[in-house]
Amino acid sequence: MDGYIVNIQRFSIHDGPGIRSTVFLKGCSLHCFWCHNPESIGLKPDLQFYPERCIGCGKCVEACPNGVHAIENGQRVLRRERCQRCGRCLAACPLGAINPDLAATPAAKIDRARCDVCGACAALPVF
């Protein structure tokens, strides 16, 4: 079985009692109205944008051949539906405000990201 990871969240305490690590996988088909992880719906890797890192230099706008990135009325706009995953914007961004999500890597290759708190999961097979 193949799977793609969107995020690994350690010290999860918000969705029930106890402390745990939560693994978010790509390809959720539920489309829940209250979904807090819409980036997990599609099967392909998406761009992750961190607005707190963006300085508005426009280098991503210049680098992108598909018009994914824009600055309109002083606001940064990201049109994910136009993205062809060429990676030019990633290379152009000087502060790392644009990153691929972890889904670019199959789950089987992220075994080092497993929890290492108690060591119990070290013996578990990797998906």
C-alpha atoms as a PDB file:
ATOM      1  CA  MET A   1       0.000   0.000   0.000  1.00  0.00           C
ATOM      2  CA  ASP A   2       1.281   3.454  -0.888  1.00  0.00           C
ATOM      3  CA  GLY A   3       0.413   6.625   0.986  1.00  0.00           C
ATOM      4  CA  TYR A   4       1.470  10.238   0.979  1.00  0.00           C
ATOM      5  CA  ILE A   5       1.879  12.247   4.153  1.00  0.00           C
ATOM      6  CA  VAL A   6       0.636  15.833   4.427  1.00  0.00           C
ATOM      7  CA  ASN A   7       1.802  16.490   7.964  1.00  0.00           C
ATOM      8  CA  ILE A   8       3.048  14.773  11.085  1.00  0.00           C
ATOM      9  CA  GLN A   9       1.790  16.573  14.167  1.00  0.00           C
ATOM     10  CA  ARG A  10       3.481  15.674  17.417  1.00  0.00           C
ATOM     11  CA  PHE A  11       1.996  16.311  20.856  1.00  0.00           C
ATOM     12  CA  SER A  12      -1.616  16.327  19.580  1.00  0.00           C
ATOM     13  CA  ILE A  13      -3.940  17.084  22.495  1.00  0.00           C
ATOM     14  CA  HIS A  14      -6.911  18.845  20.863  1.00  0.00           C
ATOM     15  CA  ASP A  15      -9.027  16.007  19.426  1.00  0.00           C
ATOM     16  CA  GLY A  16      -9.550  13.864  22.492  1.00  0.00           C
ATOM     17  CA  PRO A  17      -7.897  12.830  25.736  1.00  0.00           C
ATOM     18  CA  GLY A  18      -4.212  11.993  25.907  1.00  0.00           C
ATOM     19  CA  ILE A  19      -1.062  12.950  24.022  1.00  0.00           C
ATOM     20  CA  ARG A  20      -0.355  11.363  20.648  1.00  0.00           C
ATOM     21  CA  SER A  21       1.300  11.892  17.288  1.00  0.00           C
ATOM     22  CA  THR A  22      -1.121  12.412  14.405  1.00  0.00           C
ATOM     23  CA  VAL A  23      -0.277  11.568  10.796  1.00  0.00           C
ATOM     24  CA  PHE A  24      -2.319  13.334   8.094  1.00  0.00           C
ATOM     25  CA  LEU A  25      -2.469  11.443   4.781  1.00  0.00           C
ATOM     26  CA  LYS A  26      -3.363  12.697   1.296  1.00  0.00           C
ATOM     27  CA  GLY A  27      -6.489  11.541  -0.518  1.00  0.00           C
ATOM     28  CA  CYS A  28      -9.327  12.070   1.950  1.00  0.00           C
ATOM     29  CA  SER A  29     -12.584  11.673   0.045  1.00  0.00           C
ATOM     30  CA  LEU A  30     -15.008  12.810   2.748  1.00  0.00           C
ATOM     31  CA  HIS A  31     -15.091  16.586   1.979  1.00  0.00           C
ATOM     32  CA  CYS A  32     -16.467  17.383   5.443  1.00  0.00           C
ATOM     33  CA  PHE A  33     -18.011  20.827   5.885  1.00  0.00           C
ATOM     34  CA  TRP A  34     -15.897  21.412   9.013  1.00  0.00           C
ATOM     35  CA  CYS A  35     -12.615  20.160   7.471  1.00  0.00           C
ATOM     36  CA  HIS A  36      -9.556  21.833   9.010  1.00  0.00           C
ATOM     37  CA  ASN A  37      -7.111  20.166   6.591  1.00  0.00           C
ATOM     38  CA  PRO A  38      -8.361  20.861   3.033  1.00  0.00           C
ATOM     39  CA  GLU A  39      -4.821  20.330   1.739  1.00  0.00           C
ATOM     40  CA  SER A  40      -5.292  16.621   2.462  1.00  0.00           C
ATOM     41  CA  ILE A  41      -8.218  16.206   0.040  1.00  0.00           C
ATOM     42  CA  GLY A  42      -6.330  15.918  -3.259  1.00  0.00           C
ATOM     43  CA  LEU A  43      -3.965  13.078  -4.101  1.00  0.00           C
ATOM     44  CA  LYS A  44      -1.182  15.194  -5.626  1.00  0.00           C
ATOM     45  CA  PRO A  45       1.373  17.233  -3.656  1.00  0.00           C
ATOM     46  CA  ASP A  46       0.355  20.865  -3.078  1.00  0.00           C
ATOM     47  CA  LEU A  47       2.220  24.040  -2.341  1.00  0.00           C
ATOM     48  CA  GLN A  48       2.240  25.221   1.230  1.00  0.00           C
ATOM     49  CA  PHE A  49       2.332  28.993   1.676  1.00  0.00           C
ATOM     50  CA  TYR A  50       3.483  30.605   4.932  1.00  0.00           C
ATOM     51  CA  PRO A  51       2.299  34.240   4.834  1.00  0.00           C
ATOM     52  CA  GLU A  52       4.282  35.199   7.945  1.00  0.00           C
ATOM     53  CA  ARG A  53       7.497  34.518   5.997  1.00  0.00           C
ATOM     54  CA  CYS A  54       6.458  36.398   2.835  1.00  0.00           C
ATOM     55  CA  ILE A  55       8.026  39.844   2.364  1.00  0.00           C
ATOM     56  CA  GLY A  56       6.100  40.618  -0.834  1.00  0.00           C
ATOM     57  CA  CYS A  57       9.199  40.761  -3.059  1.00  0.00           C
ATOM     58  CA  GLY A  58       7.333  39.242  -6.027  1.00  0.00           C
ATOM     59  CA  LYS A  59      10.122  36.848  -7.037  1.00  0.00           C
ATOM     60  CA  CYS A  60       7.659  33.942  -7.074  1.00  0.00           C
ATOM     61  CA  VAL A  61       5.363  35.953  -9.375  1.00  0.00           C
ATOM     62  CA  GLU A  62       8.224  36.473 -11.836  1.00  0.00           C
ATOM     63  CA  ALA A  63       9.372  32.841 -11.651  1.00  0.00           C
ATOM     64  CA  CYS A  64       6.007  31.128 -12.138  1.00  0.00           C
ATOM     65  CA  PRO A  65       5.074  30.493 -15.791  1.00  0.00           C
ATOM     66  CA  ASN A  66       1.467  29.535 -14.932  1.00  0.00           C
ATOM     67  CA  GLY A  67       0.219  32.573 -12.986  1.00  0.00           C
ATOM     68  CA  VAL A  68      -0.138  30.699  -9.713  1.00  0.00           C
ATOM     69  CA  HIS A  69       1.353  33.578  -7.717  1.00  0.00           C
ATOM     70  CA  ALA A  70       0.108  37.152  -7.811  1.00  0.00           C
ATOM     71  CA  ILE A  71       0.022  40.303  -5.736  1.00  0.00           C
ATOM     72  CA  GLU A  72      -3.345  42.011  -6.153  1.00  0.00           C
ATOM     73  CA  ASN A  73      -4.241  45.209  -4.298  1.00  0.00           C
ATOM     74  CA  GLY A  74      -1.255  44.668  -2.037  1.00  0.00           C
ATOM     75  CA  GLN A  75      -2.427  41.179  -1.056  1.00  0.00           C
ATOM     76  CA  ARG A  76      -0.589  37.960  -1.848  1.00  0.00           C
ATOM     77  CA  VAL A  77      -2.745  35.578  -3.919  1.00  0.00           C
ATOM     78  CA  LEU A  78      -2.061  31.878  -4.485  1.00  0.00           C
ATOM     79  CA  ARG A  79      -4.047  30.095  -7.223  1.00  0.00           C
ATOM     80  CA  ARG A  80      -3.272  26.433  -6.454  1.00  0.00           C
ATOM     81  CA  GLU A  81      -5.515  25.136  -9.241  1.00  0.00           C
ATOM     82  CA  ARG A  82      -3.075  26.559 -11.839  1.00  0.00           C
ATOM     83  CA  CYS A  83       0.004  24.896 -10.327  1.00  0.00           C
ATOM     84  CA  GLN A  84       1.854  22.407 -12.544  1.00  0.00           C
ATOM     85  CA  ARG A  85       4.378  21.603  -9.780  1.00  0.00           C
ATOM     86  CA  CYS A  86       7.402  22.835 -11.721  1.00  0.00           C
ATOM     87  CA  GLY A  87       9.181  24.083  -8.570  1.00  0.00           C
ATOM     88  CA  ARG A  88      10.380  27.410  -9.979  1.00  0.00           C
ATOM     89  CA  CYS A  89       8.632  29.410  -7.253  1.00  0.00           C
ATOM     90  CA  LEU A  90      10.268  27.286  -4.545  1.00  0.00           C
ATOM     91  CA  ALA A  91      13.712  28.111  -5.880  1.00  0.00           C
ATOM     92  CA  ALA A  92      12.890  31.812  -6.302  1.00  0.00           C
ATOM     93  CA  CYS A  93      11.519  32.485  -2.807  1.00  0.00           C
ATOM     94  CA  PRO A  94      14.379  33.901  -0.695  1.00  0.00           C
ATOM     95  CA  LEU A  95      12.762  33.233   2.702  1.00  0.00           C
ATOM     96  CA  GLY A  96      11.084  29.866   2.210  1.00  0.00           C
ATOM     97  CA  ALA A  97       7.523  31.173   2.303  1.00  0.00           C
ATOM     98  CA  ILE A  98       6.600  28.554  -0.328  1.00  0.00           C
ATOM     99  CA  ASN A  99       7.320  24.900   0.327  1.00  0.00           C
ATOM    100  CA  PRO A 100       6.057  21.590  -0.976  1.00  0.00           C
ATOM    101  CA  ASP A 101       4.004  19.655   1.530  1.00  0.00           C
ATOM    102  CA  LEU A 102       5.385  16.375   2.824  1.00  0.00           C
ATOM    103  CA  ALA A 103       3.182  14.583   0.293  1.00  0.00           C
ATOM    104  CA  ALA A 104       6.008  14.925  -2.207  1.00  0.00           C
ATOM    105  CA  THR A 105       7.601  12.021  -0.334  1.00  0.00           C
ATOM    106  CA  PRO A 106       5.981   8.587  -0.057  1.00  0.00           C
ATOM    107  CA  ALA A 107       5.220   7.519   3.513  1.00  0.00           C
ATOM    108  CA  ALA A 108       7.695   4.631   3.268  1.00  0.00           C
ATOM    109  CA  LYS A 109      10.556   7.106   2.896  1.00  0.00           C
ATOM    110  CA  ILE A 110       9.674   9.172   5.972  1.00  0.00           C
ATOM    111  CA  ASP A 111      10.394   6.495   8.576  1.00  0.00           C
ATOM    112  CA  ARG A 112      12.789   8.865  10.392  1.00  0.00           C
ATOM    113  CA  ALA A 113       9.824  11.141  11.144  1.00  0.00           C
ATOM    114  CA  ARG A 114       8.261   8.547  13.441  1.00  0.00           C
ATOM    115  CA  CYS A 115       7.881   9.374  17.096  1.00  0.00           C
ATOM    116  CA  ASP A 116      11.013   8.701  19.098  1.00  0.00           C
ATOM    117  CA  VAL A 117       9.717   9.485  22.580  1.00  0.00           C
ATOM    118  CA  CYS A 118       9.393   5.975  24.026  1.00  0.00           C
ATOM    119  CA  GLY A 119      10.900   3.825  21.265  1.00  0.00           C
ATOM    120  CA  ALA A 120       7.884   1.468  21.109  1.00  0.00           C
ATOM    121  CA  CYS A 121       7.092   2.355  17.495  1.00  0.00           C
ATOM    122  CA  ALA A 122      10.636   1.618  16.289  1.00  0.00           C
ATOM    123  CA  ALA A 123       9.680  -2.052  15.878  1.00  0.00           C
ATOM    124  CA  LEU A 124       6.531  -1.280  13.877  1.00  0.00           C
ATOM    125  CA  PRO A 125       6.564  -1.739  10.096  1.00  0.00           C
ATOM    126  CA  VAL A 126       6.571   1.380   7.932  1.00  0.00           C
ATOM    127  CA  PHE A 127       3.541   1.644   5.618  1.00  0.00           C
END
